[in-house]
Amino acid sequence: MLNVAVPDLWEQVERRVPLTGVDPGPESRRVVYRHEPDKFAPQASSPPTSIS
């Protein structure tokens, strides 16, 4: 399965990439990722709906 964002949402998706719900994250990845318990809160967006 491949999830693809619609064109008007790709920037929001890209801003969410460095966020992780894991705390603490792996030491080797802390340079790239940061902990965010609610990945949708920083962009004031809502979780995506699933289309089957």
PDB file of N, CA and C in Angstrom:
ATOM      1  N   MET A   1       0.837  -1.163   0.000  1.00  0.00           N
ATOM      2  CA  MET A   1       0.000   0.000   0.000  1.00  0.00           C
ATOM      3  C   MET A   1       0.886   1.231   0.000  1.00  0.00           C
ATOM      4  N   LEU A   2       0.490   2.211  -0.751  1.00  0.00           N
ATOM      5  CA  LEU A   2       1.201   3.476  -0.823  1.00  0.00           C
ATOM      6  C   LEU A   2       0.226   4.597  -0.504  1.00  0.00           C
ATOM      7  N   ASN A   3       0.584   5.416   0.458  1.00  0.00           N
ATOM      8  CA  ASN A   3      -0.249   6.564   0.816  1.00  0.00           C
ATOM      9  C   ASN A   3       0.323   7.804   0.141  1.00  0.00           C
ATOM     10  N   VAL A   4      -0.514   8.500  -0.589  1.00  0.00           N
ATOM     11  CA  VAL A   4      -0.090   9.699  -1.299  1.00  0.00           C
ATOM     12  C   VAL A   4      -0.998  10.855  -0.884  1.00  0.00           C
ATOM     13  N   ALA A   5      -0.386  11.949  -0.489  1.00  0.00           N
ATOM     14  CA  ALA A   5      -1.166  13.121  -0.087  1.00  0.00           C
ATOM     15  C   ALA A   5      -1.697  13.843  -1.316  1.00  0.00           C
ATOM     16  N   VAL A   6      -2.875  14.394  -1.185  1.00  0.00           N
ATOM     17  CA  VAL A   6      -3.417  15.204  -2.270  1.00  0.00           C
ATOM     18  C   VAL A   6      -2.565  16.468  -2.390  1.00  0.00           C
ATOM     19  N   PRO A   7      -2.503  17.063  -3.574  1.00  0.00           N
ATOM     20  CA  PRO A   7      -1.599  18.204  -3.803  1.00  0.00           C
ATOM     21  C   PRO A   7      -1.718  19.350  -2.800  1.00  0.00           C
ATOM     22  N   ASP A   8      -2.906  19.640  -2.316  1.00  0.00           N
ATOM     23  CA  ASP A   8      -3.035  20.774  -1.400  1.00  0.00           C
ATOM     24  C   ASP A   8      -2.627  20.452   0.044  1.00  0.00           C
ATOM     25  N   LEU A   9      -2.254  19.195   0.331  1.00  0.00           N
ATOM     26  CA  LEU A   9      -1.853  18.822   1.691  1.00  0.00           C
ATOM     27  C   LEU A   9      -0.395  18.395   1.809  1.00  0.00           C
ATOM     28  N   TRP A  10       0.347  18.327   0.719  1.00  0.00           N
ATOM     29  CA  TRP A  10       1.703  17.780   0.785  1.00  0.00           C
ATOM     30  C   TRP A  10       2.614  18.578   1.716  1.00  0.00           C
ATOM     31  N   GLU A  11       2.447  19.886   1.802  1.00  0.00           N
ATOM     32  CA  GLU A  11       3.308  20.673   2.687  1.00  0.00           C
ATOM     33  C   GLU A  11       3.053  20.330   4.152  1.00  0.00           C
ATOM     34  N   GLN A  12       1.787  20.112   4.512  1.00  0.00           N
ATOM     35  CA  GLN A  12       1.476  19.712   5.888  1.00  0.00           C
ATOM     36  C   GLN A  12       2.087  18.355   6.197  1.00  0.00           C
ATOM     37  N   VAL A  13       2.025  17.454   5.253  1.00  0.00           N
ATOM     38  CA  VAL A  13       2.599  16.121   5.442  1.00  0.00           C
ATOM     39  C   VAL A  13       4.114  16.233   5.628  1.00  0.00           C
ATOM     40  N   GLU A  14       4.777  17.011   4.817  1.00  0.00           N
ATOM     41  CA  GLU A  14       6.229  17.166   4.918  1.00  0.00           C
ATOM     42  C   GLU A  14       6.652  17.789   6.250  1.00  0.00           C
ATOM     43  N   ARG A  15       5.862  18.715   6.791  1.00  0.00           N
ATOM     44  CA  ARG A  15       6.195  19.324   8.093  1.00  0.00           C
ATOM     45  C   ARG A  15       6.072  18.305   9.224  1.00  0.00           C
ATOM     46  N   ARG A  16       5.267  17.283   9.024  1.00  0.00           N
ATOM     47  CA  ARG A  16       5.043  16.267  10.045  1.00  0.00           C
ATOM     48  C   ARG A  16       6.125  15.184  10.032  1.00  0.00           C
ATOM     49  N   VAL A  17       6.909  15.115   8.979  1.00  0.00           N
ATOM     50  CA  VAL A  17       7.908  14.055   8.827  1.00  0.00           C
ATOM     51  C   VAL A  17       8.861  13.939  10.015  1.00  0.00           C
ATOM     52  N   PRO A  18       9.436  15.017  10.545  1.00  0.00           N
ATOM     53  CA  PRO A  18      10.416  14.848  11.632  1.00  0.00           C
ATOM     54  C   PRO A  18       9.802  14.616  13.016  1.00  0.00           C
ATOM     55  N   LEU A  19       8.504  14.445  13.108  1.00  0.00           N
ATOM     56  CA  LEU A  19       7.866  14.243  14.405  1.00  0.00           C
ATOM     57  C   LEU A  19       7.703  12.762  14.701  1.00  0.00           C
ATOM     58  N   THR A  20       7.891  12.393  15.948  1.00  0.00           N
ATOM     59  CA  THR A  20       7.705  11.016  16.373  1.00  0.00           C
ATOM     60  C   THR A  20       6.988  10.989  17.716  1.00  0.00           C
ATOM     61  N   GLY A  21       6.182   9.966  17.927  1.00  0.00           N
ATOM     62  CA  GLY A  21       5.501   9.796  19.201  1.00  0.00           C
ATOM     63  C   GLY A  21       6.333   9.023  20.206  1.00  0.00           C
ATOM     64  N   VAL A  22       7.491   8.534  19.776  1.00  0.00           N
ATOM     65  CA  VAL A  22       8.367   7.746  20.642  1.00  0.00           C
ATOM     66  C   VAL A  22       9.187   8.688  21.518  1.00  0.00           C
ATOM     67  N   ASP A  23       9.163   8.431  22.822  1.00  0.00           N
ATOM     68  CA  ASP A  23       9.927   9.250  23.749  1.00  0.00           C
ATOM     69  C   ASP A  23      10.573   8.360  24.801  1.00  0.00           C
ATOM     70  N   PRO A  24      11.850   8.300  24.871  1.00  0.00           N
ATOM     71  CA  PRO A  24      12.793   8.986  24.008  1.00  0.00           C
ATOM     72  C   PRO A  24      12.995   8.208  22.718  1.00  0.00           C
ATOM     73  N   GLY A  25      13.287   8.920  21.683  1.00  0.00           N
ATOM     74  CA  GLY A  25      13.584   8.279  20.405  1.00  0.00           C
ATOM     75  C   GLY A  25      14.991   7.708  20.406  1.00  0.00           C
ATOM     76  N   PRO A  26      15.315   6.907  19.394  1.00  0.00           N
ATOM     77  CA  PRO A  26      16.666   6.353  19.316  1.00  0.00           C
ATOM     78  C   PRO A  26      17.715   7.471  19.273  1.00  0.00           C
ATOM     79  N   GLU A  27      18.771   7.302  20.010  1.00  0.00           N
ATOM     80  CA  GLU A  27      19.846   8.301  20.082  1.00  0.00           C
ATOM     81  C   GLU A  27      20.343   8.694  18.696  1.00  0.00           C
ATOM     82  N   SER A  28      20.476   7.726  17.812  1.00  0.00           N
ATOM     83  CA  SER A  28      21.020   7.987  16.480  1.00  0.00           C
ATOM     84  C   SER A  28      20.083   8.829  15.609  1.00  0.00           C
ATOM     85  N   ARG A  29      18.836   8.919  15.976  1.00  0.00           N
ATOM     86  CA  ARG A  29      17.873   9.661  15.156  1.00  0.00           C
ATOM     87  C   ARG A  29      17.430  10.988  15.768  1.00  0.00           C
ATOM     88  N   ARG A  30      17.913  11.313  16.927  1.00  0.00           N
ATOM     89  CA  ARG A  30      17.486  12.553  17.605  1.00  0.00           C
ATOM     90  C   ARG A  30      17.914  13.807  16.870  1.00  0.00           C
ATOM     91  N   VAL A  31      18.893  13.703  16.000  1.00  0.00           N
ATOM     92  CA  VAL A  31      19.331  14.853  15.219  1.00  0.00           C
ATOM     93  C   VAL A  31      18.256  15.237  14.209  1.00  0.00           C
ATOM     94  N   VAL A  32      17.525  14.252  13.702  1.00  0.00           N
ATOM     95  CA  VAL A  32      16.532  14.471  12.642  1.00  0.00           C
ATOM     96  C   VAL A  32      15.111  14.579  13.192  1.00  0.00           C
ATOM     97  N   TYR A  33      14.791  13.733  14.173  1.00  0.00           N
ATOM     98  CA  TYR A  33      13.418  13.642  14.673  1.00  0.00           C
ATOM     99  C   TYR A  33      13.274  14.288  16.033  1.00  0.00           C
ATOM    100  N   ARG A  34      12.070  14.769  16.326  1.00  0.00           N
ATOM    101  CA  ARG A  34      11.801  15.301  17.665  1.00  0.00           C
ATOM    102  C   ARG A  34      10.483  14.720  18.169  1.00  0.00           C
ATOM    103  N   HIS A  35      10.387  14.568  19.472  1.00  0.00           N
ATOM    104  CA  HIS A  35       9.201  13.992  20.089  1.00  0.00           C
ATOM    105  C   HIS A  35       8.030  14.958  20.053  1.00  0.00           C
ATOM    106  N   GLU A  36       6.900  14.473  19.638  1.00  0.00           N
ATOM    107  CA  GLU A  36       5.649  15.238  19.649  1.00  0.00           C
ATOM    108  C   GLU A  36       4.531  14.246  19.926  1.00  0.00           C
ATOM    109  N   PRO A  37       3.965  14.268  21.146  1.00  0.00           N
ATOM    110  CA  PRO A  37       2.947  13.277  21.500  1.00  0.00           C
ATOM    111  C   PRO A  37       1.712  13.332  20.599  1.00  0.00           C
ATOM    112  N   ASP A  38       1.382  14.499  20.094  1.00  0.00           N
ATOM    113  CA  ASP A  38       0.236  14.634  19.185  1.00  0.00           C
ATOM    114  C   ASP A  38       0.740  15.237  17.876  1.00  0.00           C
ATOM    115  N   LYS A  39       1.002  14.385  16.896  1.00  0.00           N
ATOM    116  CA  LYS A  39       1.613  14.830  15.640  1.00  0.00           C
ATOM    117  C   LYS A  39       0.737  15.801  14.851  1.00  0.00           C
ATOM    118  N   PHE A  40      -0.545  15.848  15.142  1.00  0.00           N
ATOM    119  CA  PHE A  40      -1.448  16.706  14.388  1.00  0.00           C
ATOM    120  C   PHE A  40      -1.614  18.085  15.011  1.00  0.00           C
ATOM    121  N   ALA A  41      -1.248  18.252  16.271  1.00  0.00           N
ATOM    122  CA  ALA A  41      -1.418  19.530  16.956  1.00  0.00           C
ATOM    123  C   ALA A  41      -0.555  20.670  16.398  1.00  0.00           C
ATOM    124  N   PRO A  42       0.728  20.450  16.085  1.00  0.00           N
ATOM    125  CA  PRO A  42       1.551  21.578  15.626  1.00  0.00           C
ATOM    126  C   PRO A  42       1.025  22.264  14.362  1.00  0.00           C
ATOM    127  N   GLN A  43       0.360  21.544  13.487  1.00  0.00           N
ATOM    128  CA  GLN A  43      -0.163  22.147  12.269  1.00  0.00           C
ATOM    129  C   GLN A  43      -1.647  22.471  12.374  1.00  0.00           C
ATOM    130  N   ALA A  44      -2.215  22.252  13.556  1.00  0.00           N
ATOM    131  CA  ALA A  44      -3.652  22.480  13.768  1.00  0.00           C
ATOM    132  C   ALA A  44      -4.465  21.779  12.690  1.00  0.00           C
ATOM    133  N   SER A  45      -4.102  20.533  12.436  1.00  0.00           N
ATOM    134  CA  SER A  45      -4.836  19.752  11.446  1.00  0.00           C
ATOM    135  C   SER A  45      -5.465  18.553  12.140  1.00  0.00           C
ATOM    136  N   SER A  46      -6.226  17.801  11.409  1.00  0.00           N
ATOM    137  CA  SER A  46      -6.867  16.632  11.980  1.00  0.00           C
ATOM    138  C   SER A  46      -6.314  15.381  11.315  1.00  0.00           C
ATOM    139  N   PRO A  47      -6.417  14.242  12.006  1.00  0.00           N
ATOM    140  CA  PRO A  47      -5.940  13.007  11.414  1.00  0.00           C
ATOM    141  C   PRO A  47      -6.638  12.732  10.085  1.00  0.00           C
ATOM    142  N   PRO A  48      -5.928  12.119   9.162  1.00  0.00           N
ATOM    143  CA  PRO A  48      -6.528  11.849   7.851  1.00  0.00           C
ATOM    144  C   PRO A  48      -7.612  10.799   7.936  1.00  0.00           C
ATOM    145  N   THR A  49      -8.539  10.872   7.020  1.00  0.00           N
ATOM    146  CA  THR A  49      -9.551   9.831   6.931  1.00  0.00           C
ATOM    147  C   THR A  49      -9.057   8.771   5.966  1.00  0.00           C
ATOM    148  N   SER A  50      -9.506   7.572   6.154  1.00  0.00           N
ATOM    149  CA  SER A  50      -9.061   6.462   5.330  1.00  0.00           C
ATOM    150  C   SER A  50     -10.056   6.242   4.195  1.00  0.00           C
ATOM    151  N   ILE A  51      -9.526   6.027   3.015  1.00  0.00           N
ATOM    152  CA  ILE A  51     -10.359   5.716   1.849  1.00  0.00           C
ATOM    153  C   ILE A  51      -9.961   4.332   1.383  1.00  0.00           C
ATOM    154  N   SER A  52     -10.907   3.435   1.350  1.00  0.00           N
ATOM    155  CA  SER A  52     -10.608   2.061   0.934  1.00  0.00           C
ATOM    156  C   SER A  52     -10.997   1.828  -0.495  1.00  0.00           C
TER     157      SER A  52
END
